[in-house]
Amino acid sequence: MAALIGKQAIVIGAGLGGLAAAGAISDYFERVIVFERDPLPSIAQTRPGTPQSPHTHALLGGGKLALESLFPGFTMALTKAGAVSYRAGLDLLAELPGFDPFPQRDVGWDAYSMSRPLIEYVVRQQLERRRNIEFRDRCRVEEIVMTDGTGGSVDAVHWRTAAVLVKSWPRTSSLTAPVVAL
């Protein structure tokens, strides 16, 4: 276990960037809260605020390695959930109008094809296994209040739920929270 650098951290957004950020910092904080304005589905399903969600997505070698390092077993879980593995350089034919097809060659690694909801769902499942990560969906962050305005400790986070209830994470809680805003 890494040395803790704080009690609590927040991540704004449960898209792939926010999920990866939560995974990257979870060993360094007692608690990580991920705020997401959309409802988080219990299956691989599109969310209203997610652009290009219905399009097919590809996970290339670098992304696969990065996610596997943050979430050991990620690649196997992604395949088990339905992602399709293909050999980069061999299994797809790339063509441009006016050009012959690009030559096919084995570039030495596998890539994966899936929907964006599937990859987010698999990463979210990986994070839900970590006891110190909490998801708050249907919560839109309205304001981040900081002591000095330079990016130091957060005094309060104000958010709004679907029921238009405004809540606050007060300064009196004595928790510091670096902000990861994505």
Protein backbone atom coordinates (compact mmCIF):
# COMPACT_ATOMS: atom_id res chain seq x y z
CA MET A 1 0.00 0.00 0.00
CA ALA A 2 1.25 3.45 -0.92
CA ALA A 3 1.73 6.15 1.70
CA LEU A 4 -1.44 8.19 2.14
CA ILE A 5 -1.25 11.84 1.18
CA GLY A 6 -4.75 12.80 2.29
CA LYS A 7 -8.00 11.68 3.82
CA GLN A 8 -10.34 12.43 0.96
CA ALA A 9 -10.18 13.29 -2.73
CA ILE A 10 -12.89 14.06 -5.23
CA VAL A 11 -13.09 13.31 -8.93
CA ILE A 12 -15.60 15.17 -11.04
CA GLY A 13 -16.96 13.01 -13.84
CA ALA A 14 -17.32 9.25 -14.26
CA GLY A 15 -16.26 9.12 -17.90
CA LEU A 16 -13.18 7.12 -18.78
CA GLY A 17 -10.81 9.95 -17.75
CA GLY A 18 -12.47 10.37 -14.36
CA LEU A 19 -12.58 6.64 -13.74
CA ALA A 20 -8.89 6.26 -14.59
CA ALA A 21 -8.05 9.23 -12.34
CA ALA A 22 -9.98 7.65 -9.45
CA GLY A 23 -8.06 4.42 -9.97
CA ALA A 24 -4.74 6.24 -10.11
CA ILE A 25 -5.25 8.15 -6.85
CA SER A 26 -7.19 5.57 -4.82
CA ASP A 27 -4.07 4.15 -3.15
CA TYR A 28 -3.12 7.59 -1.84
CA PHE A 29 -6.36 8.60 -0.10
CA GLU A 30 -8.54 7.02 2.56
CA ARG A 31 -11.60 7.90 0.52
CA VAL A 32 -12.23 8.91 -3.10
CA ILE A 33 -15.62 10.28 -4.13
CA VAL A 34 -16.54 10.30 -7.83
CA PHE A 35 -19.31 12.78 -8.68
CA GLU A 36 -21.27 12.17 -11.89
CA ARG A 37 -24.20 14.23 -13.15
CA ASP A 38 -25.75 11.35 -15.11
CA PRO A 39 -27.31 8.24 -13.59
CA LEU A 40 -24.75 5.43 -13.67
CA PRO A 41 -26.35 2.37 -15.26
CA SER A 42 -25.93 -1.08 -13.72
CA ILE A 43 -25.20 -2.48 -17.20
CA ALA A 44 -23.17 -1.31 -20.20
CA GLN A 45 -25.61 1.34 -21.37
CA THR A 46 -25.31 4.83 -22.86
CA ARG A 47 -25.56 7.88 -20.60
CA PRO A 48 -27.18 11.17 -21.64
CA GLY A 49 -24.06 13.31 -21.15
CA THR A 50 -21.61 10.99 -22.88
CA PRO A 51 -20.64 12.08 -26.38
CA GLN A 52 -20.11 9.50 -29.10
CA SER A 53 -21.48 6.85 -26.76
CA PRO A 54 -23.21 4.73 -29.42
CA HIS A 55 -20.15 4.64 -31.71
CA THR A 56 -17.79 1.71 -31.85
CA HIS A 57 -14.59 2.41 -29.92
CA ALA A 58 -11.14 0.88 -30.13
CA LEU A 59 -8.70 0.40 -27.28
CA LEU A 60 -5.17 0.40 -28.63
CA GLY A 61 -2.00 -1.00 -27.08
CA GLY A 62 -0.99 2.01 -24.96
CA GLY A 63 -4.47 2.46 -23.53
CA LYS A 64 -4.72 -1.23 -22.76
CA LEU A 65 -1.37 -1.21 -20.94
CA ALA A 66 -2.29 1.90 -18.95
CA LEU A 67 -5.69 0.53 -17.88
CA GLU A 68 -4.22 -2.89 -17.09
CA SER A 69 -1.62 -1.25 -14.83
CA LEU A 70 -4.35 0.66 -12.97
CA PHE A 71 -6.77 -2.27 -12.90
CA PRO A 72 -5.02 -5.66 -12.93
CA GLY A 73 -7.23 -8.16 -14.78
CA PHE A 74 -8.88 -5.39 -16.81
CA THR A 75 -8.14 -6.94 -20.22
CA MET A 76 -9.63 -10.28 -19.23
CA ALA A 77 -12.70 -8.58 -17.74
CA LEU A 78 -13.16 -6.50 -20.90
CA THR A 79 -13.01 -9.59 -23.12
CA LYS A 80 -15.36 -11.48 -20.82
CA ALA A 81 -17.82 -8.57 -21.01
CA GLY A 82 -17.91 -8.76 -24.81
CA ALA A 83 -15.06 -6.69 -26.27
CA VAL A 84 -13.66 -8.14 -29.47
CA SER A 85 -9.91 -8.65 -29.70
CA TYR A 86 -8.17 -8.13 -33.02
CA ARG A 87 -4.55 -8.26 -34.10
CA ALA A 88 -3.40 -4.72 -34.89
CA GLY A 89 -2.16 -4.41 -38.44
CA LEU A 90 -3.61 -7.74 -39.59
CA ASP A 91 -7.28 -8.05 -38.78
CA LEU A 92 -8.43 -4.69 -40.17
CA LEU A 93 -8.02 -3.40 -43.69
CA ALA A 94 -7.40 0.35 -43.84
CA GLU A 95 -8.30 2.14 -47.06
CA LEU A 96 -8.46 5.77 -48.14
CA PRO A 97 -10.25 7.00 -51.27
CA GLY A 98 -7.80 7.12 -54.17
CA PHE A 99 -5.21 4.91 -52.47
CA ASP A 100 -4.63 1.20 -52.51
CA PRO A 101 -5.31 -0.56 -49.22
CA PHE A 102 -2.54 -0.09 -46.71
CA PRO A 103 -0.29 -3.15 -46.46
CA GLN A 104 -1.23 -5.54 -43.73
CA ARG A 105 1.47 -6.46 -41.23
CA ASP A 106 1.58 -7.74 -37.70
CA VAL A 107 2.59 -4.84 -35.47
CA GLY A 108 2.94 -7.09 -32.44
CA TRP A 109 -0.05 -6.34 -30.23
CA ASP A 110 -3.77 -6.86 -29.88
CA ALA A 111 -6.36 -4.09 -29.87
CA TYR A 112 -9.97 -4.30 -28.71
CA SER A 113 -13.22 -3.10 -30.21
CA MET A 114 -16.21 -2.31 -28.01
CA SER A 115 -18.72 0.39 -27.18
CA ARG A 116 -17.83 3.27 -24.90
CA PRO A 117 -20.49 2.16 -22.40
CA LEU A 118 -18.85 -1.27 -22.21
CA ILE A 119 -15.38 0.02 -21.42
CA GLU A 120 -16.75 2.49 -18.82
CA TYR A 121 -18.84 -0.27 -17.27
CA VAL A 122 -15.86 -2.63 -16.95
CA VAL A 123 -13.66 0.07 -15.41
CA ARG A 124 -16.48 1.07 -13.04
CA GLN A 125 -16.80 -2.57 -11.94
CA GLN A 126 -13.08 -2.63 -11.21
CA LEU A 127 -13.41 0.52 -9.08
CA GLU A 128 -16.49 -0.69 -7.22
CA ARG A 129 -14.35 -3.49 -5.76
CA ARG A 130 -12.20 -0.93 -3.98
CA ARG A 131 -13.62 -0.13 -0.58
CA ASN A 132 -12.41 3.45 -0.49
CA ILE A 133 -14.17 4.57 -3.69
CA GLU A 134 -17.68 5.95 -3.59
CA PHE A 135 -19.80 6.93 -6.59
CA ARG A 136 -22.37 9.70 -6.35
CA ASP A 137 -24.38 9.71 -9.53
CA ARG A 138 -27.09 12.21 -10.39
CA CYS A 139 -24.93 14.84 -8.65
CA ARG A 140 -23.89 17.89 -10.59
CA VAL A 141 -21.02 19.79 -8.98
CA GLU A 142 -22.01 23.44 -8.85
CA GLU A 143 -19.11 24.99 -6.98
CA ILE A 144 -15.72 24.13 -5.53
CA VAL A 145 -14.74 26.44 -2.69
CA MET A 146 -11.04 26.78 -1.97
CA THR A 147 -9.22 28.66 0.79
CA ASP A 148 -6.67 30.51 -1.25
CA GLY A 149 -7.84 29.96 -4.80
CA THR A 150 -4.47 28.54 -5.91
CA GLY A 151 -5.42 24.88 -6.19
CA GLY A 152 -4.66 23.88 -2.61
CA SER A 153 -7.12 22.38 -0.18
CA VAL A 154 -10.83 22.36 -0.88
CA ASP A 155 -13.04 23.84 1.83
CA ALA A 156 -16.38 22.77 0.37
CA VAL A 157 -17.96 21.11 -2.62
CA HIS A 158 -21.50 22.14 -3.46
CA TRP A 159 -23.53 19.85 -5.67
CA ARG A 160 -27.08 19.51 -6.86
CA THR A 161 -29.02 16.29 -7.12
CA ALA A 162 -31.95 15.53 -9.40
CA ALA A 163 -34.23 16.54 -6.53
CA VAL A 164 -32.59 20.01 -6.56
CA LEU A 165 -31.25 19.47 -3.06
CA VAL A 166 -28.08 21.45 -2.47
CA LYS A 167 -25.56 19.78 -0.21
CA SER A 168 -22.19 20.90 1.05
CA TRP A 169 -18.99 19.30 2.18
CA PRO A 170 -18.16 21.76 4.96
CA ARG A 171 -14.78 23.12 5.95
CA THR A 172 -15.53 22.10 9.54
CA SER A 173 -15.19 18.45 8.54
CA SER A 174 -11.39 18.96 8.67
CA LEU A 175 -10.94 16.94 5.49
CA THR A 176 -8.63 18.17 2.79
CA ALA A 177 -9.45 17.19 -0.76
CA PRO A 178 -7.29 17.82 -3.78
CA VAL A 179 -9.52 18.17 -6.81
CA VAL A 180 -9.19 16.14 -9.96
CA ALA A 181 -11.50 17.85 -12.41
CA LEU A 182 -12.01 16.10 -15.73
